[in-house]
Amino acid sequence: MEYSPKKDGIYALAIWSAPILLFFFLIFSYSQLILGIFILSVLLSFWMWNSTRYSIENGELFIKCWVLKKKVPVKDVVKVRRTRNYLASYALAVDRLEITEKNNQKFYVSPDNVEMFISELKKYNPNISIS
């Protein structure tokens, strides 16, 4: 099952600030160089904003965020807890889930439908601690 990420304003501002600033440069001092950089920044921002996805298939959690990809067997997940932080991660929102693996490695995701996401994880690994 595939899950879209929750997206909030802080991350929208971070991702879309370069195209917005370049747009104002275009308005007040047009040049082909600025136009080219503007177009590239819009495409890059669009890609970053729309490429994040989480999916759980056949007992594995697949995470895709821009050029970053991660695959985690759900059986290796020991803990899922809700958190609010700004650490770099596979999340586009401050409200996110901290997922801890057996090797004590942690990563963060922000699925739009948290309850369904956790329920799906528990189907494959009922021993996951939720807090």
C-alpha atoms as a PDB file:
ATOM      1  CA  MET A   1       0.000   0.000   0.000  1.00  0.00           C
ATOM      2  CA  GLU A   2       1.321   3.465  -0.882  1.00  0.00           C
ATOM      3  CA  TYR A   3       1.213   6.486   1.416  1.00  0.00           C
ATOM      4  CA  SER A   4       1.637  10.130   0.504  1.00  0.00           C
ATOM      5  CA  PRO A   5       3.615  12.330   2.864  1.00  0.00           C
ATOM      6  CA  LYS A   6       2.096  14.954   5.108  1.00  0.00           C
ATOM      7  CA  LYS A   7       3.403  18.346   3.962  1.00  0.00           C
ATOM      8  CA  ASP A   8       3.575  21.495   6.021  1.00  0.00           C
ATOM      9  CA  GLY A   9       4.329  25.159   5.466  1.00  0.00           C
ATOM     10  CA  ILE A  10       7.856  25.193   6.881  1.00  0.00           C
ATOM     11  CA  TYR A  11       9.030  22.619   4.359  1.00  0.00           C
ATOM     12  CA  ALA A  12       7.069  24.297   1.571  1.00  0.00           C
ATOM     13  CA  LEU A  13       8.901  27.537   2.316  1.00  0.00           C
ATOM     14  CA  ALA A  14      12.275  25.791   2.415  1.00  0.00           C
ATOM     15  CA  ILE A  15      11.733  23.995  -0.889  1.00  0.00           C
ATOM     16  CA  TRP A  16       9.976  26.770  -2.807  1.00  0.00           C
ATOM     17  CA  SER A  17      11.940  29.818  -1.531  1.00  0.00           C
ATOM     18  CA  ALA A  18      14.581  29.725  -4.302  1.00  0.00           C
ATOM     19  CA  PRO A  19      12.054  29.793  -7.182  1.00  0.00           C
ATOM     20  CA  ILE A  20      10.075  32.547  -5.449  1.00  0.00           C
ATOM     21  CA  LEU A  21      13.181  34.715  -4.957  1.00  0.00           C
ATOM     22  CA  LEU A  22      14.324  34.104  -8.520  1.00  0.00           C
ATOM     23  CA  PHE A  23      10.878  35.066  -9.795  1.00  0.00           C
ATOM     24  CA  PHE A  24      11.258  38.500  -8.207  1.00  0.00           C
ATOM     25  CA  PHE A  25      14.723  38.846  -9.729  1.00  0.00           C
ATOM     26  CA  LEU A  26      13.143  38.075 -13.119  1.00  0.00           C
ATOM     27  CA  ILE A  27      10.499  40.749 -12.652  1.00  0.00           C
ATOM     28  CA  PHE A  28      12.948  43.485 -11.697  1.00  0.00           C
ATOM     29  CA  SER A  29      15.985  42.566 -13.823  1.00  0.00           C
ATOM     30  CA  TYR A  30      15.330  40.108 -16.615  1.00  0.00           C
ATOM     31  CA  SER A  31      18.232  38.097 -18.006  1.00  0.00           C
ATOM     32  CA  GLN A  32      18.413  34.776 -19.794  1.00  0.00           C
ATOM     33  CA  LEU A  33      20.759  33.411 -17.131  1.00  0.00           C
ATOM     34  CA  ILE A  34      18.283  34.185 -14.343  1.00  0.00           C
ATOM     35  CA  LEU A  35      15.460  32.742 -16.457  1.00  0.00           C
ATOM     36  CA  GLY A  36      17.415  29.492 -16.936  1.00  0.00           C
ATOM     37  CA  ILE A  37      18.235  29.225 -13.248  1.00  0.00           C
ATOM     38  CA  PHE A  38      14.598  30.009 -12.386  1.00  0.00           C
ATOM     39  CA  ILE A  39      13.307  27.229 -14.655  1.00  0.00           C
ATOM     40  CA  LEU A  40      15.795  24.735 -13.197  1.00  0.00           C
ATOM     41  CA  SER A  41      14.901  25.726  -9.629  1.00  0.00           C
ATOM     42  CA  VAL A  42      11.166  25.332 -10.336  1.00  0.00           C
ATOM     43  CA  LEU A  43      11.738  21.872 -11.820  1.00  0.00           C
ATOM     44  CA  LEU A  44      13.978  20.813  -8.934  1.00  0.00           C
ATOM     45  CA  SER A  45      11.545  22.140  -6.315  1.00  0.00           C
ATOM     46  CA  PHE A  46       8.610  20.434  -8.041  1.00  0.00           C
ATOM     47  CA  TRP A  47      10.545  17.163  -8.111  1.00  0.00           C
ATOM     48  CA  MET A  48      11.530  17.438  -4.432  1.00  0.00           C
ATOM     49  CA  TRP A  49       7.984  18.343  -3.366  1.00  0.00           C
ATOM     50  CA  ASN A  50       6.271  15.558  -5.316  1.00  0.00           C
ATOM     51  CA  SER A  51       8.710  12.640  -5.230  1.00  0.00           C
ATOM     52  CA  THR A  52       8.377  11.620  -1.577  1.00  0.00           C
ATOM     53  CA  ARG A  53       6.424   8.375  -1.139  1.00  0.00           C
ATOM     54  CA  TYR A  54       6.185   5.570   1.370  1.00  0.00           C
ATOM     55  CA  SER A  55       4.933   2.098   0.557  1.00  0.00           C
ATOM     56  CA  ILE A  56       4.611  -1.178   2.401  1.00  0.00           C
ATOM     57  CA  GLU A  57       4.635  -4.263   0.198  1.00  0.00           C
ATOM     58  CA  ASN A  58       5.329  -7.896   1.011  1.00  0.00           C
ATOM     59  CA  GLY A  59       6.645  -7.094   4.458  1.00  0.00           C
ATOM     60  CA  GLU A  60       9.015  -4.337   3.374  1.00  0.00           C
ATOM     61  CA  LEU A  61       8.832  -0.590   3.897  1.00  0.00           C
ATOM     62  CA  PHE A  62      10.005   1.355   0.853  1.00  0.00           C
ATOM     63  CA  ILE A  63      10.834   5.032   1.240  1.00  0.00           C
ATOM     64  CA  LYS A  64      11.558   7.372  -1.646  1.00  0.00           C
ATOM     65  CA  CYS A  65      12.414  11.000  -1.056  1.00  0.00           C
ATOM     66  CA  TRP A  66      13.887  12.923  -3.963  1.00  0.00           C
ATOM     67  CA  VAL A  67      17.052  10.959  -4.879  1.00  0.00           C
ATOM     68  CA  LEU A  68      17.157   9.112  -1.553  1.00  0.00           C
ATOM     69  CA  LYS A  69      15.762   5.605  -1.278  1.00  0.00           C
ATOM     70  CA  LYS A  70      15.540   3.235   1.662  1.00  0.00           C
ATOM     71  CA  LYS A  71      14.182  -0.288   2.011  1.00  0.00           C
ATOM     72  CA  VAL A  72      13.535  -1.718   5.478  1.00  0.00           C
ATOM     73  CA  PRO A  73      12.100  -5.139   6.309  1.00  0.00           C
ATOM     74  CA  VAL A  74       9.137  -4.487   8.608  1.00  0.00           C
ATOM     75  CA  LYS A  75      10.236  -7.445  10.746  1.00  0.00           C
ATOM     76  CA  ASP A  76      13.335  -5.367  11.663  1.00  0.00           C
ATOM     77  CA  VAL A  77      11.250  -2.457  12.991  1.00  0.00           C
ATOM     78  CA  VAL A  78      11.119  -2.514  16.791  1.00  0.00           C
ATOM     79  CA  LYS A  79       9.581   0.839  17.668  1.00  0.00           C
ATOM     80  CA  VAL A  80       7.469   3.603  16.131  1.00  0.00           C
ATOM     81  CA  ARG A  81       6.881   6.817  18.022  1.00  0.00           C
ATOM     82  CA  ARG A  82       5.303  10.142  17.163  1.00  0.00           C
ATOM     83  CA  THR A  83       7.620  13.108  17.335  1.00  0.00           C
ATOM     84  CA  ARG A  84       7.972  16.728  16.262  1.00  0.00           C
ATOM     85  CA  ASN A  85      11.402  17.781  15.073  1.00  0.00           C
ATOM     86  CA  TYR A  86      13.266  19.441  12.238  1.00  0.00           C
ATOM     87  CA  LEU A  87      15.996  16.857  11.688  1.00  0.00           C
ATOM     88  CA  ALA A  88      16.841  16.030   8.103  1.00  0.00           C
ATOM     89  CA  SER A  89      14.849  13.004   7.068  1.00  0.00           C
ATOM     90  CA  TYR A  90      12.464  11.433   4.573  1.00  0.00           C
ATOM     91  CA  ALA A  91       9.693  13.684   5.885  1.00  0.00           C
ATOM     92  CA  LEU A  92       8.088  16.896   4.599  1.00  0.00           C
ATOM     93  CA  ALA A  93       6.411  17.827   7.872  1.00  0.00           C
ATOM     94  CA  VAL A  94       7.430  18.531  11.442  1.00  0.00           C
ATOM     95  CA  ASP A  95       4.848  16.017  12.745  1.00  0.00           C
ATOM     96  CA  ARG A  96       6.473  12.711  11.944  1.00  0.00           C
ATOM     97  CA  LEU A  97       7.102   9.171  13.024  1.00  0.00           C
ATOM     98  CA  GLU A  98      10.459   8.065  14.391  1.00  0.00           C
ATOM     99  CA  ILE A  99      11.067   4.477  13.315  1.00  0.00           C
ATOM    100  CA  THR A 100      13.704   2.472  15.141  1.00  0.00           C
ATOM    101  CA  GLU A 101      15.204  -0.658  13.614  1.00  0.00           C
ATOM    102  CA  LYS A 102      16.755  -3.678  15.403  1.00  0.00           C
ATOM    103  CA  ASN A 103      20.244  -2.234  14.943  1.00  0.00           C
ATOM    104  CA  ASN A 104      19.054   0.910  16.803  1.00  0.00           C
ATOM    105  CA  GLN A 105      19.193   2.961  13.604  1.00  0.00           C
ATOM    106  CA  LYS A 106      16.459   5.610  13.468  1.00  0.00           C
ATOM    107  CA  PHE A 107      14.798   7.387  10.584  1.00  0.00           C
ATOM    108  CA  TYR A 108      11.799   9.679  10.219  1.00  0.00           C
ATOM    109  CA  VAL A 109       8.759   9.603   7.939  1.00  0.00           C
ATOM    110  CA  SER A 110       5.596  11.697   7.798  1.00  0.00           C
ATOM    111  CA  PRO A 111       2.770   9.697   6.213  1.00  0.00           C
ATOM    112  CA  ASP A 112      -0.448  11.594   5.655  1.00  0.00           C
ATOM    113  CA  ASN A 113      -2.546   8.822   7.197  1.00  0.00           C
ATOM    114  CA  VAL A 114      -0.563   7.861  10.299  1.00  0.00           C
ATOM    115  CA  GLU A 115      -3.090   5.432  11.762  1.00  0.00           C
ATOM    116  CA  MET A 116      -3.396   3.423   8.560  1.00  0.00           C
ATOM    117  CA  PHE A 117       0.400   3.440   8.115  1.00  0.00           C
ATOM    118  CA  ILE A 118       0.980   2.082  11.642  1.00  0.00           C
ATOM    119  CA  SER A 119      -1.802  -0.469  11.185  1.00  0.00           C
ATOM    120  CA  GLU A 120      -0.153  -1.712   8.004  1.00  0.00           C
ATOM    121  CA  LEU A 121       3.219  -2.024   9.760  1.00  0.00           C
ATOM    122  CA  LYS A 122       1.574  -3.990  12.588  1.00  0.00           C
ATOM    123  CA  LYS A 123       0.077  -6.445  10.072  1.00  0.00           C
ATOM    124  CA  TYR A 124       3.590  -7.552   9.139  1.00  0.00           C
ATOM    125  CA  ASN A 125       5.114  -7.179  12.605  1.00  0.00           C
ATOM    126  CA  PRO A 126       2.671  -7.244  15.542  1.00  0.00           C
ATOM    127  CA  ASN A 127       5.607  -6.891  18.007  1.00  0.00           C
ATOM    128  CA  ILE A 128       6.311  -3.259  17.062  1.00  0.00           C
ATOM    129  CA  SER A 129       6.172  -0.971  20.097  1.00  0.00           C
ATOM    130  CA  ILE A 130       4.009   2.106  19.425  1.00  0.00           C
ATOM    131  CA  SER A 131       4.421   5.210  21.573  1.00  0.00           C
END
